[in-house]
Amino acid sequence: MDNEVFLLLMLVGVFAGFVDSAVGGGGLLRLPAILWAGLPPHIALGTNKFASTAAAAVASAKYLQSDIVPRKAAFIGWIVMIIFSMVGTYAVLLVEPDILLPIVIVVLIALFFYVLFNPKFGKEEDIQEEKVIPLTVGMGTGIGFYEGFLGPGTGSMLMAGYIKGAGFGMDRAAATARILNFGGNIGSYAIFAVAASVNYEVAIPFALANMIGGYLAPGYVLKYGYALLRPMFLVVAAIMITVQIVGYLG
């Protein structure tokens, strides 16, 4: 790999790790960069998942150091996401994932416009304790499977679910969602690793770059909260929608 390509890949990795650990969607930056670097698609998917897992591990550790995460629910969701992302990743080896893409596009568009036209969404907390664990298990099952099967928008869906379903503020939702997303990454990566679909010569340095971004993001999320997360959520969601529509039509 040329030095220029390697340097660009590392810069993308830092930024993708930051975005992923704040609002999700870092894979939209990582995967095209890895493909551009010349890796075959199936190897690129596994390599991307390895880097994503590394960034999520660092971000999750930092979020857990704060008091913002409901730890019991997060641990349960983490386990459920591991299990069902493994099921989803195994399923994607058997079934064409494009069957889910139109549904994903509709869901992302709905989320985007809901947040856009509800400026107070996630600004104030009204936590409904009795709903946190049931919601976590439900999202861990459905979104966990989706994380392994397809993946784009997982973090954004988890965030929106916690805000709408349990009354979390955006910062608490982002932190908790990241820990669940970490579980999903572990499960999915495990299947790719068994299938020998990871190029570690690229994956290891790329993961380190992603870890830098994953380390930086929680500090900004916990400091700026809603003021940072809402515009970032909308921008990333708009990019995800555009990329998925172009990919589907293409």
Protein backbone atom coordinates (compact mmCIF):
# COMPACT_ATOMS: atom_id res chain seq x y z
CA MET A 1 0.00 0.00 0.00
CA ASP A 2 1.36 3.45 -0.94
CA ASN A 3 2.30 5.80 1.90
CA GLU A 4 -0.22 8.39 0.69
CA VAL A 5 -3.04 5.84 0.68
CA PHE A 6 -2.02 4.59 4.12
CA LEU A 7 -1.95 8.13 5.57
CA LEU A 8 -5.37 8.97 4.14
CA LEU A 9 -6.75 5.71 5.51
CA MET A 10 -5.47 6.59 8.99
CA LEU A 11 -6.99 10.09 8.85
CA VAL A 12 -10.33 8.63 7.79
CA GLY A 13 -10.03 6.13 10.64
CA VAL A 14 -9.64 8.84 13.29
CA PHE A 15 -12.61 10.81 12.00
CA ALA A 16 -14.76 7.69 11.54
CA GLY A 17 -13.99 6.54 15.08
CA PHE A 18 -15.10 9.93 16.42
CA VAL A 19 -18.34 10.01 14.43
CA ASP A 20 -19.17 6.40 15.26
CA SER A 21 -18.64 6.96 18.98
CA ALA A 22 -20.84 10.06 18.99
CA VAL A 23 -23.85 9.32 16.77
CA GLY A 24 -22.99 6.19 14.77
CA GLY A 25 -22.46 6.01 11.02
CA GLY A 26 -18.67 5.75 10.99
CA GLY A 27 -18.87 2.70 8.76
CA LEU A 28 -20.00 4.97 5.91
CA LEU A 29 -16.55 6.53 6.06
CA ARG A 30 -14.52 3.42 6.87
CA LEU A 31 -15.88 0.97 4.33
CA PRO A 32 -15.47 3.14 1.19
CA ALA A 33 -11.96 4.05 2.33
CA ILE A 34 -11.00 0.40 2.78
CA LEU A 35 -12.46 -0.52 -0.62
CA TRP A 36 -10.62 2.42 -2.19
CA ALA A 37 -7.40 1.09 -0.66
CA GLY A 38 -7.88 -2.04 -2.77
CA LEU A 39 -9.30 -4.70 -0.44
CA PRO A 40 -11.88 -7.15 -1.86
CA PRO A 41 -15.45 -6.48 -0.62
CA HIS A 42 -15.75 -9.46 1.74
CA ILE A 43 -12.32 -8.73 3.26
CA ALA A 44 -13.21 -5.04 3.51
CA LEU A 45 -16.34 -5.87 5.53
CA GLY A 46 -14.42 -7.92 8.06
CA THR A 47 -11.57 -5.40 8.26
CA ASN A 48 -14.08 -2.59 8.82
CA LYS A 49 -15.77 -4.56 11.59
CA PHE A 50 -12.44 -5.14 13.34
CA ALA A 51 -11.67 -1.40 13.32
CA SER A 52 -15.19 -0.55 14.44
CA THR A 53 -14.93 -3.00 17.35
CA ALA A 54 -11.66 -1.46 18.51
CA ALA A 55 -13.07 2.09 18.46
CA ALA A 56 -16.23 0.97 20.24
CA ALA A 57 -14.20 -0.71 22.99
CA VAL A 58 -12.31 2.49 23.79
CA ALA A 59 -15.41 4.70 23.62
CA SER A 60 -17.43 2.28 25.78
CA ALA A 61 -14.73 2.25 28.45
CA LYS A 62 -14.75 6.06 28.60
CA TYR A 63 -18.54 6.28 28.71
CA LEU A 64 -18.62 3.75 31.55
CA GLN A 65 -16.29 5.95 33.60
CA SER A 66 -19.07 8.55 33.75
CA ASP A 67 -22.33 8.22 35.68
CA ILE A 68 -24.43 8.70 32.58
CA VAL A 69 -24.82 5.04 31.54
CA PRO A 70 -27.42 2.72 33.15
CA ARG A 71 -24.93 -0.07 33.69
CA LYS A 72 -27.27 -2.99 34.26
CA ALA A 73 -29.27 -2.25 31.12
CA ALA A 74 -26.09 -1.58 29.14
CA PHE A 75 -24.57 -4.92 30.17
CA ILE A 76 -27.74 -6.83 29.30
CA GLY A 77 -27.97 -5.05 25.94
CA TRP A 78 -24.30 -5.70 25.26
CA ILE A 79 -24.80 -9.46 25.70
CA VAL A 80 -28.01 -9.55 23.64
CA MET A 81 -26.34 -7.57 20.84
CA ILE A 82 -23.40 -10.00 20.74
CA ILE A 83 -25.72 -12.98 20.35
CA PHE A 84 -28.06 -11.56 17.74
CA SER A 85 -25.37 -9.82 15.69
CA MET A 86 -23.72 -13.22 15.34
CA VAL A 87 -27.02 -14.62 14.10
CA GLY A 88 -27.37 -11.71 11.68
CA THR A 89 -23.84 -12.04 10.34
CA TYR A 90 -24.30 -15.76 9.82
CA ALA A 91 -27.59 -15.06 8.02
CA VAL A 92 -25.97 -12.55 5.67
CA LEU A 93 -23.66 -15.30 4.45
CA LEU A 94 -26.77 -17.19 3.31
CA VAL A 95 -29.19 -14.46 2.21
CA GLU A 96 -28.82 -11.40 -0.03
CA PRO A 97 -28.80 -8.35 2.32
CA ASP A 98 -30.33 -6.03 -0.31
CA ILE A 99 -33.78 -7.27 0.66
CA LEU A 100 -33.54 -5.14 3.82
CA LEU A 101 -32.14 -2.01 2.19
CA PRO A 102 -35.46 -0.34 1.21
CA ILE A 103 -36.73 -0.78 4.78
CA VAL A 104 -33.52 0.71 6.18
CA ILE A 105 -33.80 3.72 3.87
CA VAL A 106 -37.39 4.38 4.99
CA VAL A 107 -36.44 4.07 8.67
CA LEU A 108 -33.49 6.44 8.32
CA ILE A 109 -35.59 9.00 6.44
CA ALA A 110 -38.28 8.81 9.14
CA LEU A 111 -35.66 9.31 11.88
CA PHE A 112 -34.09 12.24 10.05
CA PHE A 113 -37.32 14.15 9.58
CA TYR A 114 -38.58 13.34 13.07
CA VAL A 115 -35.44 14.81 14.64
CA LEU A 116 -35.38 17.72 12.18
CA PHE A 117 -38.94 18.82 12.94
CA ASN A 118 -38.76 18.09 16.68
CA PRO A 119 -36.00 20.42 17.93
CA LYS A 120 -36.56 19.35 21.54
CA PHE A 121 -36.06 15.64 20.74
CA GLY A 122 -33.45 14.44 23.23
CA LYS A 123 -32.87 17.89 24.72
CA GLU A 124 -34.52 17.20 28.06
CA GLU A 125 -34.69 13.93 29.97
CA ASP A 126 -37.79 12.22 31.29
CA ILE A 127 -36.34 8.80 32.09
CA GLN A 128 -38.90 6.00 32.39
CA GLU A 129 -36.97 3.48 34.45
CA GLU A 130 -39.46 0.65 34.01
CA LYS A 131 -39.00 0.77 30.22
CA VAL A 132 -35.20 0.85 30.04
CA ILE A 133 -34.42 -2.88 30.33
CA PRO A 134 -37.37 -4.18 28.22
CA LEU A 135 -36.50 -1.62 25.55
CA THR A 136 -32.85 -2.61 25.72
CA VAL A 137 -33.65 -6.30 25.24
CA GLY A 138 -36.02 -5.54 22.37
CA MET A 139 -33.55 -3.30 20.57
CA GLY A 140 -30.68 -5.66 21.32
CA THR A 141 -32.58 -8.46 19.62
CA GLY A 142 -33.87 -6.66 16.53
CA ILE A 143 -31.15 -4.09 15.97
CA GLY A 144 -28.50 -6.63 17.02
CA PHE A 145 -29.61 -8.91 14.19
CA TYR A 146 -29.65 -5.95 11.82
CA GLU A 147 -26.14 -4.89 12.93
CA GLY A 148 -24.79 -8.26 11.86
CA PHE A 149 -26.95 -8.57 8.76
CA LEU A 150 -26.48 -5.13 7.21
CA GLY A 151 -25.38 -2.48 9.73
CA PRO A 152 -25.76 1.12 8.46
CA GLY A 153 -27.47 3.36 11.02
CA THR A 154 -27.31 0.96 13.97
CA GLY A 155 -25.99 3.58 16.39
CA SER A 156 -28.51 6.18 15.23
CA MET A 157 -31.41 3.73 15.63
CA LEU A 158 -30.30 2.78 19.14
CA MET A 159 -29.97 6.44 20.12
CA ALA A 160 -33.41 7.33 18.79
CA GLY A 161 -34.91 4.28 20.49
CA TYR A 162 -33.58 5.29 23.90
CA ILE A 163 -34.72 8.89 23.49
CA LYS A 164 -38.21 8.06 22.27
CA GLY A 165 -38.77 4.83 24.19
CA ALA A 166 -37.15 5.54 27.57
CA GLY A 167 -36.94 9.33 27.77
CA PHE A 168 -33.13 9.57 27.64
CA GLY A 169 -31.38 12.79 26.73
CA MET A 170 -29.17 12.67 23.66
CA ASP A 171 -25.94 12.36 25.63
CA ARG A 172 -27.16 9.43 27.76
CA ALA A 173 -28.68 7.79 24.67
CA ALA A 174 -25.43 8.16 22.71
CA ALA A 175 -23.34 6.70 25.53
CA THR A 176 -25.63 3.73 26.15
CA ALA A 177 -26.12 3.07 22.45
CA ARG A 178 -22.36 2.93 21.96
CA ILE A 179 -21.98 0.17 24.52
CA LEU A 180 -24.74 -1.88 22.86
CA ASN A 181 -23.13 -1.18 19.49
CA PHE A 182 -19.85 -2.51 20.90
CA GLY A 183 -21.57 -5.81 21.65
CA GLY A 184 -22.94 -5.94 18.12
CA ASN A 185 -19.49 -5.29 16.70
CA ILE A 186 -17.96 -8.11 18.75
CA GLY A 187 -20.52 -10.66 17.59
CA SER A 188 -20.28 -9.67 13.95
CA TYR A 189 -16.49 -9.53 13.98
CA ALA A 190 -16.31 -13.01 15.52
CA ILE A 191 -18.12 -14.50 12.53
CA PHE A 192 -15.97 -12.60 10.02
CA ALA A 193 -12.84 -13.73 11.87
CA VAL A 194 -13.90 -17.38 11.73
CA ALA A 195 -14.56 -16.93 8.00
CA ALA A 196 -11.01 -15.53 7.61
CA SER A 197 -12.40 -12.29 6.17
CA VAL A 198 -10.06 -9.82 7.93
CA ASN A 199 -6.84 -8.36 6.53
CA TYR A 200 -4.90 -7.70 9.75
CA GLU A 201 -2.06 -5.83 8.02
CA VAL A 202 -4.60 -3.12 7.25
CA ALA A 203 -7.01 -3.80 10.13
CA ILE A 204 -4.58 -3.31 13.02
CA PRO A 205 -3.22 0.17 12.13
CA PHE A 206 -6.68 1.21 10.93
CA ALA A 207 -8.15 0.05 14.24
CA LEU A 208 -5.58 2.11 16.15
CA ALA A 209 -6.60 5.20 14.18
CA ASN A 210 -10.27 4.49 14.91
CA MET A 211 -9.44 4.05 18.59
CA ILE A 212 -8.03 7.59 18.69
CA GLY A 213 -11.34 8.93 17.39
CA GLY A 214 -13.26 6.65 19.74
CA TYR A 215 -11.20 7.94 22.67
CA LEU A 216 -11.80 11.60 21.80
CA ALA A 217 -15.56 11.46 21.13
CA PRO A 218 -16.92 10.72 24.64
CA GLY A 219 -15.25 13.81 26.09
CA TYR A 220 -17.02 16.04 23.58
CA VAL A 221 -20.33 14.19 23.91
CA LEU A 222 -20.33 14.47 27.71
CA LYS A 223 -19.24 18.12 27.61
CA TYR A 224 -21.47 19.50 24.83
CA GLY A 225 -24.29 16.94 24.73
CA TYR A 226 -27.35 18.05 22.78
CA ALA A 227 -25.63 21.09 21.21
CA LEU A 228 -23.12 18.78 19.48
CA LEU A 229 -25.18 15.64 18.96
CA ARG A 230 -28.31 17.01 17.27
CA PRO A 231 -26.59 18.70 14.30
CA MET A 232 -24.12 15.82 13.98
CA PHE A 233 -26.99 13.30 14.06
CA LEU A 234 -28.81 15.17 11.28
CA VAL A 235 -25.72 15.52 9.09
CA VAL A 236 -24.69 11.88 9.47
CA ALA A 237 -28.28 10.67 8.92
CA ALA A 238 -28.56 12.76 5.74
CA ILE A 239 -25.29 11.29 4.44
CA MET A 240 -26.39 7.75 5.32
CA ILE A 241 -29.72 8.23 3.53
CA THR A 242 -28.02 9.63 0.41
CA VAL A 243 -25.43 6.85 0.29
CA GLN A 244 -28.02 4.10 0.79
CA ILE A 245 -30.37 5.49 -1.88
CA VAL A 246 -27.54 5.89 -4.39
CA GLY A 247 -26.32 2.39 -3.60
CA TYR A 248 -29.81 0.93 -3.95
CA LEU A 249 -30.56 2.67 -7.23
CA GLY A 250 -27.11 1.84 -8.56
